[in-house]
């Protein structure tokens, strides 16, 4: 089992537990990566992949990641592409209340989740390294950053 010793980007804890070890999606639905480890911070609950299981960070900055997913780099097109994902996302979020909460969407793409939660949550912040999307999010009036650092 791979070890994870990096401080949590949310709470700075170094206490992690493995919550998934095995196959994950790699790009489009149906493409798989077989040896991934997903860790969960035991203090705040955030989950993340082991860095060695992630695609290179440059993929996110250049838009290569969106190409791998066969998605447009134009924010207006992505909104339509994400309609199917929205259903899954909202079903996963349904038991939770966002009333008067701050929402941070890391890897927010065109901001479709921020848009959907803007009426139900107190504040929405987007983290998106892909420049065309980041510009679009800022133009919509959201607080947005290219990284969490």
N, C-alpha and C. Protein backbone atom coordinates (compact mmCIF):
# COMPACT_ATOMS: atom_id res chain seq x y z
N UNK A 1 0.85 -1.19 0.00
CA UNK A 1 0.00 0.00 0.00
C UNK A 1 0.89 1.25 0.00
N UNK A 2 0.55 2.20 -0.83
CA UNK A 2 1.30 3.45 -0.92
C UNK A 2 1.00 4.32 0.30
N UNK A 3 2.00 5.05 0.78
CA UNK A 3 1.84 5.94 1.93
C UNK A 3 1.54 7.35 1.45
N UNK A 4 0.83 8.10 2.28
CA UNK A 4 0.49 9.49 1.96
C UNK A 4 0.87 10.34 3.16
N UNK A 5 1.91 11.16 3.01
CA UNK A 5 2.43 11.96 4.12
C UNK A 5 2.30 13.46 3.91
N UNK A 6 1.62 13.88 2.88
CA UNK A 6 1.51 15.31 2.56
C UNK A 6 0.45 15.95 3.45
N UNK A 7 0.71 17.17 3.96
CA UNK A 7 -0.31 17.85 4.77
C UNK A 7 -1.58 18.12 3.94
N UNK A 8 -2.72 17.99 4.57
CA UNK A 8 -4.00 18.28 3.93
C UNK A 8 -4.03 19.75 3.51
N UNK A 9 -4.45 20.01 2.29
CA UNK A 9 -4.55 21.38 1.79
C UNK A 9 -5.65 22.19 2.44
N UNK A 10 -6.55 21.53 3.15
CA UNK A 10 -7.66 22.21 3.82
C UNK A 10 -7.33 22.49 5.28
N UNK A 11 -6.90 21.45 6.01
CA UNK A 11 -6.72 21.60 7.47
C UNK A 11 -5.29 21.37 7.95
N UNK A 12 -4.39 20.99 7.06
CA UNK A 12 -2.97 20.80 7.36
C UNK A 12 -2.65 19.50 8.13
N UNK A 13 -3.63 18.66 8.37
CA UNK A 13 -3.40 17.39 9.06
C UNK A 13 -2.61 16.44 8.16
N UNK A 14 -1.84 15.55 8.76
CA UNK A 14 -1.12 14.52 8.01
C UNK A 14 -1.68 13.13 8.29
N UNK A 15 -2.88 13.07 8.84
CA UNK A 15 -3.52 11.78 9.15
C UNK A 15 -4.49 11.42 8.03
N UNK A 16 -4.14 10.41 7.27
CA UNK A 16 -4.92 9.97 6.12
C UNK A 16 -5.27 8.50 6.25
N UNK A 17 -6.38 8.10 5.66
CA UNK A 17 -6.71 6.68 5.55
C UNK A 17 -7.11 6.39 4.11
N UNK A 18 -6.84 5.19 3.66
CA UNK A 18 -7.21 4.77 2.30
C UNK A 18 -8.71 4.47 2.29
N UNK A 19 -9.43 5.12 1.36
CA UNK A 19 -10.87 4.85 1.23
C UNK A 19 -11.18 4.11 -0.07
N UNK A 20 -10.21 4.06 -0.99
CA UNK A 20 -10.38 3.29 -2.22
C UNK A 20 -9.00 2.93 -2.74
N UNK A 21 -8.84 1.69 -3.14
CA UNK A 21 -7.60 1.23 -3.76
C UNK A 21 -7.99 0.35 -4.93
N UNK A 22 -7.63 0.79 -6.13
CA UNK A 22 -7.99 0.01 -7.31
C UNK A 22 -8.28 0.89 -8.50
N UNK A 23 -9.30 0.55 -9.24
CA UNK A 23 -9.62 1.17 -10.52
C UNK A 23 -10.34 2.51 -10.35
N UNK A 24 -9.92 3.50 -11.14
CA UNK A 24 -10.62 4.79 -11.25
C UNK A 24 -10.76 5.14 -12.72
N UNK A 25 -11.64 6.09 -13.01
CA UNK A 25 -11.80 6.57 -14.39
C UNK A 25 -10.56 7.36 -14.79
N UNK A 26 -10.13 7.19 -16.02
CA UNK A 26 -8.98 7.92 -16.56
C UNK A 26 -9.43 8.63 -17.83
N UNK A 27 -9.94 9.84 -17.66
CA UNK A 27 -10.47 10.57 -18.81
C UNK A 27 -11.92 10.22 -19.04
N UNK A 28 -12.24 9.86 -20.27
CA UNK A 28 -13.62 9.53 -20.63
C UNK A 28 -14.15 8.32 -19.90
N UNK A 29 -15.47 8.27 -19.75
CA UNK A 29 -16.13 7.10 -19.17
C UNK A 29 -15.72 5.86 -19.96
N UNK A 30 -15.32 4.84 -19.25
CA UNK A 30 -14.91 3.60 -19.90
C UNK A 30 -13.41 3.41 -19.96
N UNK A 31 -12.65 4.51 -19.85
CA UNK A 31 -11.19 4.41 -19.80
C UNK A 31 -10.80 4.33 -18.33
N UNK A 32 -9.96 3.35 -17.99
CA UNK A 32 -9.67 3.10 -16.59
C UNK A 32 -8.18 3.12 -16.28
N UNK A 33 -7.87 3.52 -15.06
CA UNK A 33 -6.53 3.43 -14.49
C UNK A 33 -6.66 2.46 -13.32
N UNK A 34 -5.86 1.41 -13.29
CA UNK A 34 -6.11 0.29 -12.40
C UNK A 34 -5.44 0.31 -11.03
N UNK A 35 -4.51 1.19 -10.78
CA UNK A 35 -3.74 1.08 -9.54
C UNK A 35 -3.81 2.35 -8.71
N UNK A 36 -4.94 2.95 -8.59
CA UNK A 36 -5.08 4.23 -7.89
C UNK A 36 -5.38 4.04 -6.41
N UNK A 37 -4.97 5.03 -5.63
CA UNK A 37 -5.29 5.06 -4.20
C UNK A 37 -5.95 6.40 -3.87
N UNK A 38 -7.13 6.34 -3.27
CA UNK A 38 -7.83 7.54 -2.82
C UNK A 38 -7.71 7.59 -1.31
N UNK A 39 -7.24 8.72 -0.81
CA UNK A 39 -7.04 8.91 0.63
C UNK A 39 -8.04 9.93 1.16
N UNK A 40 -8.43 9.76 2.42
CA UNK A 40 -9.33 10.70 3.08
C UNK A 40 -8.64 11.24 4.33
N UNK A 41 -8.67 12.57 4.48
CA UNK A 41 -8.12 13.21 5.67
C UNK A 41 -8.99 12.82 6.86
N UNK A 42 -8.36 12.35 7.92
CA UNK A 42 -9.12 11.91 9.08
C UNK A 42 -9.58 13.07 9.95
N UNK A 43 -9.10 14.28 9.64
CA UNK A 43 -9.55 15.44 10.42
C UNK A 43 -10.74 16.14 9.76
N UNK A 44 -10.60 16.51 8.47
CA UNK A 44 -11.66 17.29 7.82
C UNK A 44 -12.50 16.49 6.82
N UNK A 45 -12.02 15.31 6.42
CA UNK A 45 -12.81 14.45 5.53
C UNK A 45 -12.58 14.64 4.05
N UNK A 46 -11.74 15.60 3.65
CA UNK A 46 -11.49 15.79 2.22
C UNK A 46 -10.81 14.55 1.66
N UNK A 47 -11.13 14.24 0.40
CA UNK A 47 -10.53 13.08 -0.25
C UNK A 47 -9.69 13.52 -1.43
N UNK A 48 -8.63 12.76 -1.69
CA UNK A 48 -7.79 13.07 -2.85
C UNK A 48 -7.01 11.85 -3.30
N UNK A 49 -6.61 11.91 -4.56
CA UNK A 49 -5.77 10.86 -5.13
C UNK A 49 -4.33 11.04 -4.67
N UNK A 50 -3.62 9.94 -4.58
CA UNK A 50 -2.18 10.00 -4.38
C UNK A 50 -1.60 10.74 -5.59
N UNK A 51 -0.66 11.65 -5.36
CA UNK A 51 -0.11 12.46 -6.46
C UNK A 51 0.39 11.61 -7.63
N UNK A 52 1.02 10.49 -7.34
CA UNK A 52 1.56 9.66 -8.41
C UNK A 52 0.46 9.03 -9.27
N UNK A 53 -0.77 9.06 -8.81
CA UNK A 53 -1.91 8.54 -9.58
C UNK A 53 -2.60 9.63 -10.40
N UNK A 54 -2.17 10.86 -10.23
CA UNK A 54 -2.79 12.01 -10.92
C UNK A 54 -2.12 12.25 -12.26
N UNK A 55 -2.85 12.89 -13.16
CA UNK A 55 -2.25 13.32 -14.42
C UNK A 55 -1.35 14.52 -14.12
N UNK A 56 -0.40 14.84 -15.00
CA UNK A 56 0.48 15.98 -14.75
C UNK A 56 -0.31 17.28 -14.59
N UNK A 57 0.11 18.14 -13.67
CA UNK A 57 -0.62 19.38 -13.40
C UNK A 57 -0.70 20.28 -14.63
N UNK A 58 0.28 20.18 -15.52
CA UNK A 58 0.24 21.00 -16.74
C UNK A 58 -0.99 20.70 -17.60
N UNK A 59 -1.51 19.48 -17.52
CA UNK A 59 -2.70 19.12 -18.28
C UNK A 59 -3.87 20.04 -17.94
N UNK A 60 -3.98 20.40 -16.67
CA UNK A 60 -5.07 21.26 -16.23
C UNK A 60 -4.87 22.69 -16.72
N UNK A 61 -3.64 23.16 -16.69
CA UNK A 61 -3.35 24.54 -17.06
C UNK A 61 -3.49 24.77 -18.56
N UNK A 62 -3.13 23.78 -19.35
CA UNK A 62 -3.13 23.95 -20.80
C UNK A 62 -4.45 23.55 -21.46
N UNK A 63 -5.30 22.88 -20.74
CA UNK A 63 -6.54 22.39 -21.33
C UNK A 63 -6.43 20.97 -21.84
N UNK A 64 -5.24 20.36 -21.72
CA UNK A 64 -5.05 18.98 -22.17
C UNK A 64 -6.02 18.03 -21.46
N UNK A 65 -6.33 18.32 -20.20
CA UNK A 65 -7.27 17.50 -19.44
C UNK A 65 -8.65 17.50 -20.12
N UNK A 66 -9.12 18.68 -20.55
CA UNK A 66 -10.43 18.77 -21.21
C UNK A 66 -10.41 18.01 -22.53
N UNK A 67 -9.27 18.05 -23.24
CA UNK A 67 -9.15 17.27 -24.47
C UNK A 67 -9.25 15.77 -24.17
N UNK A 68 -8.61 15.35 -23.07
CA UNK A 68 -8.65 13.94 -22.68
C UNK A 68 -10.09 13.50 -22.40
N UNK A 69 -10.91 14.43 -21.89
CA UNK A 69 -12.32 14.15 -21.62
C UNK A 69 -13.20 14.40 -22.84
N UNK A 70 -12.58 14.85 -23.94
CA UNK A 70 -13.29 15.23 -25.15
C UNK A 70 -14.33 16.31 -24.86
N UNK A 71 -13.91 17.31 -24.08
CA UNK A 71 -14.77 18.44 -23.74
C UNK A 71 -14.23 19.71 -24.39
N UNK A 72 -15.12 20.63 -24.60
CA UNK A 72 -14.78 21.91 -25.19
C UNK A 72 -14.02 22.78 -24.20
N UNK A 73 -13.21 23.68 -24.71
CA UNK A 73 -12.56 24.68 -23.87
C UNK A 73 -13.40 25.95 -23.80
N UNK A 74 -14.55 25.96 -24.47
CA UNK A 74 -15.43 27.12 -24.45
C UNK A 74 -16.50 26.92 -23.38
N UNK A 75 -16.53 27.83 -22.41
CA UNK A 75 -17.40 27.68 -21.24
C UNK A 75 -18.86 27.49 -21.64
N UNK A 76 -19.33 28.20 -22.67
CA UNK A 76 -20.74 28.09 -23.05
C UNK A 76 -21.09 26.69 -23.55
N UNK A 77 -20.14 26.02 -24.20
CA UNK A 77 -20.38 24.65 -24.68
C UNK A 77 -20.35 23.65 -23.53
N UNK A 78 -19.49 23.89 -22.56
CA UNK A 78 -19.31 22.95 -21.45
C UNK A 78 -20.55 22.86 -20.59
N UNK A 79 -21.29 23.94 -20.46
CA UNK A 79 -22.51 23.92 -19.65
C UNK A 79 -23.44 22.82 -20.16
N UNK A 80 -23.60 22.71 -21.47
CA UNK A 80 -24.46 21.68 -22.04
C UNK A 80 -23.84 20.29 -21.87
N UNK A 81 -22.51 20.20 -21.99
CA UNK A 81 -21.83 18.91 -21.84
C UNK A 81 -21.97 18.36 -20.42
N UNK A 82 -22.14 19.24 -19.44
CA UNK A 82 -22.17 18.81 -18.04
C UNK A 82 -23.58 18.51 -17.51
N UNK A 83 -24.58 18.64 -18.31
CA UNK A 83 -25.94 18.39 -17.83
C UNK A 83 -26.09 16.98 -17.23
N UNK A 84 -25.52 15.98 -17.88
CA UNK A 84 -25.62 14.61 -17.35
C UNK A 84 -24.87 14.47 -16.03
N UNK A 85 -23.73 15.13 -15.92
CA UNK A 85 -22.96 15.08 -14.67
C UNK A 85 -23.68 15.78 -13.53
N UNK A 86 -24.42 16.83 -13.86
CA UNK A 86 -25.14 17.57 -12.82
C UNK A 86 -26.10 16.67 -12.05
N UNK A 87 -26.80 15.81 -12.75
CA UNK A 87 -27.75 14.91 -12.09
C UNK A 87 -27.03 14.04 -11.06
N UNK A 88 -25.92 13.45 -11.44
CA UNK A 88 -25.14 12.62 -10.52
C UNK A 88 -24.63 13.45 -9.35
N UNK A 89 -24.11 14.62 -9.62
CA UNK A 89 -23.56 15.48 -8.57
C UNK A 89 -24.63 15.86 -7.56
N UNK A 90 -25.79 16.27 -8.04
CA UNK A 90 -26.85 16.70 -7.12
C UNK A 90 -27.42 15.54 -6.32
N UNK A 91 -27.46 14.35 -6.90
CA UNK A 91 -27.90 13.19 -6.14
C UNK A 91 -26.91 12.89 -5.01
N UNK A 92 -25.61 13.07 -5.27
CA UNK A 92 -24.59 12.83 -4.24
C UNK A 92 -24.64 13.90 -3.15
N UNK A 93 -24.99 15.13 -3.53
CA UNK A 93 -25.04 16.24 -2.57
C UNK A 93 -26.36 16.34 -1.83
N UNK A 94 -27.40 15.70 -2.35
CA UNK A 94 -28.76 15.88 -1.86
C UNK A 94 -28.92 15.82 -0.34
N UNK A 95 -28.31 14.89 0.36
CA UNK A 95 -28.58 14.83 1.81
C UNK A 95 -28.02 16.03 2.58
N UNK A 96 -27.18 16.82 1.96
CA UNK A 96 -26.51 17.92 2.66
C UNK A 96 -27.20 19.25 2.39
N UNK A 97 -27.25 20.09 3.40
CA UNK A 97 -27.80 21.44 3.25
C UNK A 97 -26.64 22.41 3.02
N UNK A 98 -26.80 23.30 2.06
CA UNK A 98 -25.79 24.31 1.78
C UNK A 98 -26.24 25.70 2.22
N UNK A 99 -27.38 25.77 2.86
CA UNK A 99 -27.93 27.03 3.33
C UNK A 99 -26.91 27.72 4.25
N UNK A 100 -26.57 28.97 3.93
CA UNK A 100 -25.62 29.78 4.71
C UNK A 100 -24.23 29.16 4.83
N UNK A 101 -23.85 28.31 3.88
CA UNK A 101 -22.52 27.70 3.88
C UNK A 101 -21.66 28.32 2.79
N UNK A 102 -20.36 28.25 2.99
CA UNK A 102 -19.40 28.64 1.96
C UNK A 102 -19.06 27.40 1.15
N UNK A 103 -19.10 27.51 -0.17
CA UNK A 103 -18.83 26.39 -1.06
C UNK A 103 -17.57 26.70 -1.86
N UNK A 104 -16.61 25.78 -1.83
CA UNK A 104 -15.42 25.87 -2.66
C UNK A 104 -15.44 24.68 -3.60
N UNK A 105 -15.44 24.95 -4.89
CA UNK A 105 -15.42 23.88 -5.89
C UNK A 105 -14.03 23.86 -6.51
N UNK A 106 -13.26 22.84 -6.17
CA UNK A 106 -11.89 22.71 -6.69
C UNK A 106 -11.96 21.94 -7.99
N UNK A 107 -11.48 22.59 -9.06
CA UNK A 107 -11.62 22.02 -10.40
C UNK A 107 -13.01 22.30 -10.93
N UNK A 108 -13.46 23.54 -10.77
CA UNK A 108 -14.86 23.90 -11.03
C UNK A 108 -15.22 24.02 -12.50
N UNK A 109 -14.23 23.90 -13.40
CA UNK A 109 -14.55 23.98 -14.82
C UNK A 109 -15.22 25.30 -15.15
N UNK A 110 -16.37 25.24 -15.79
CA UNK A 110 -17.09 26.46 -16.19
C UNK A 110 -17.94 27.04 -15.07
N UNK A 111 -17.95 26.39 -13.91
CA UNK A 111 -18.69 26.93 -12.77
C UNK A 111 -20.13 26.47 -12.67
N UNK A 112 -20.49 25.37 -13.34
CA UNK A 112 -21.89 24.93 -13.32
C UNK A 112 -22.37 24.57 -11.92
N UNK A 113 -21.50 24.00 -11.08
CA UNK A 113 -21.91 23.70 -9.70
C UNK A 113 -22.06 24.99 -8.90
N UNK A 114 -21.15 25.93 -9.11
CA UNK A 114 -21.26 27.23 -8.43
C UNK A 114 -22.57 27.91 -8.80
N UNK A 115 -22.91 27.87 -10.09
CA UNK A 115 -24.18 28.46 -10.55
C UNK A 115 -25.36 27.81 -9.84
N UNK A 116 -25.34 26.49 -9.78
CA UNK A 116 -26.47 25.76 -9.21
C UNK A 116 -26.63 26.01 -7.71
N UNK A 117 -25.52 26.23 -7.01
CA UNK A 117 -25.58 26.42 -5.56
C UNK A 117 -25.61 27.89 -5.14
N UNK A 118 -25.57 28.79 -6.11
CA UNK A 118 -25.49 30.22 -5.76
C UNK A 118 -26.72 30.72 -5.02
N UNK A 119 -27.87 30.16 -5.28
CA UNK A 119 -29.08 30.58 -4.57
C UNK A 119 -29.25 29.91 -3.23
N UNK A 120 -28.54 28.82 -3.01
CA UNK A 120 -28.71 28.05 -1.78
C UNK A 120 -27.58 28.23 -0.79
N UNK A 121 -26.43 28.73 -1.23
CA UNK A 121 -25.29 28.86 -0.33
C UNK A 121 -24.93 30.33 -0.13
N UNK A 122 -24.19 30.59 0.92
CA UNK A 122 -23.82 31.96 1.29
C UNK A 122 -22.77 32.55 0.34
N UNK A 123 -21.74 31.76 0.02
CA UNK A 123 -20.63 32.24 -0.78
C UNK A 123 -20.10 31.10 -1.64
N UNK A 124 -19.71 31.40 -2.87
CA UNK A 124 -19.19 30.39 -3.77
C UNK A 124 -17.81 30.83 -4.26
N UNK A 125 -16.85 29.91 -4.20
CA UNK A 125 -15.49 30.17 -4.65
C UNK A 125 -15.09 29.05 -5.61
N UNK A 126 -14.49 29.42 -6.73
CA UNK A 126 -14.04 28.44 -7.70
C UNK A 126 -12.53 28.39 -7.78
N UNK A 127 -11.99 27.18 -7.87
CA UNK A 127 -10.57 26.96 -8.12
C UNK A 127 -10.49 26.26 -9.47
N UNK A 128 -9.86 26.91 -10.46
CA UNK A 128 -9.80 26.34 -11.80
C UNK A 128 -8.51 26.78 -12.50
N UNK A 129 -7.59 25.85 -12.76
CA UNK A 129 -6.33 26.21 -13.39
C UNK A 129 -6.41 26.49 -14.89
N UNK A 130 -7.46 26.03 -15.56
CA UNK A 130 -7.58 26.23 -17.01
C UNK A 130 -8.03 27.66 -17.30
N UNK A 131 -7.16 28.42 -17.92
CA UNK A 131 -7.36 29.86 -18.09
C UNK A 131 -8.69 30.28 -18.72
N UNK A 132 -9.14 29.65 -19.82
CA UNK A 132 -10.43 30.09 -20.39
C UNK A 132 -11.59 29.93 -19.42
N UNK A 133 -11.59 28.85 -18.65
CA UNK A 133 -12.65 28.64 -17.66
C UNK A 133 -12.54 29.63 -16.52
N UNK A 134 -11.31 29.86 -16.04
CA UNK A 134 -11.10 30.80 -14.94
C UNK A 134 -11.62 32.18 -15.31
N UNK A 135 -11.32 32.63 -16.51
CA UNK A 135 -11.80 33.93 -16.98
C UNK A 135 -13.32 33.97 -16.98
N UNK A 136 -13.95 32.92 -17.46
CA UNK A 136 -15.41 32.85 -17.50
C UNK A 136 -16.02 32.92 -16.11
N UNK A 137 -15.43 32.23 -15.16
CA UNK A 137 -15.95 32.22 -13.78
C UNK A 137 -15.86 33.60 -13.16
N UNK A 138 -14.72 34.26 -13.37
CA UNK A 138 -14.53 35.61 -12.85
C UNK A 138 -15.53 36.57 -13.49
N UNK A 139 -15.75 36.42 -14.80
CA UNK A 139 -16.72 37.27 -15.50
C UNK A 139 -18.14 37.08 -14.98
N UNK A 140 -18.45 35.88 -14.47
CA UNK A 140 -19.76 35.64 -13.87
C UNK A 140 -19.89 36.29 -12.50
N UNK A 141 -18.77 36.76 -11.94
CA UNK A 141 -18.81 37.44 -10.65
C UNK A 141 -18.40 36.59 -9.46
N UNK A 142 -17.91 35.39 -9.71
CA UNK A 142 -17.47 34.53 -8.61
C UNK A 142 -16.06 34.89 -8.18
N UNK A 143 -15.77 34.67 -6.91
CA UNK A 143 -14.40 34.72 -6.42
C UNK A 143 -13.74 33.46 -6.98
N UNK A 144 -12.62 33.61 -7.67
CA UNK A 144 -12.01 32.46 -8.33
C UNK A 144 -10.49 32.58 -8.35
N UNK A 145 -9.84 31.43 -8.30
CA UNK A 145 -8.38 31.36 -8.27
C UNK A 145 -7.91 30.22 -9.17
N UNK A 146 -6.65 30.33 -9.63
CA UNK A 146 -6.09 29.28 -10.48
C UNK A 146 -5.53 28.11 -9.68
N UNK A 147 -5.31 28.30 -8.38
CA UNK A 147 -4.83 27.19 -7.54
C UNK A 147 -5.21 27.46 -6.09
N UNK A 148 -5.01 26.46 -5.24
CA UNK A 148 -5.31 26.65 -3.82
C UNK A 148 -4.12 27.22 -3.07
N UNK A 149 -3.01 27.49 -3.76
CA UNK A 149 -1.82 28.00 -3.09
C UNK A 149 -1.71 29.48 -3.10
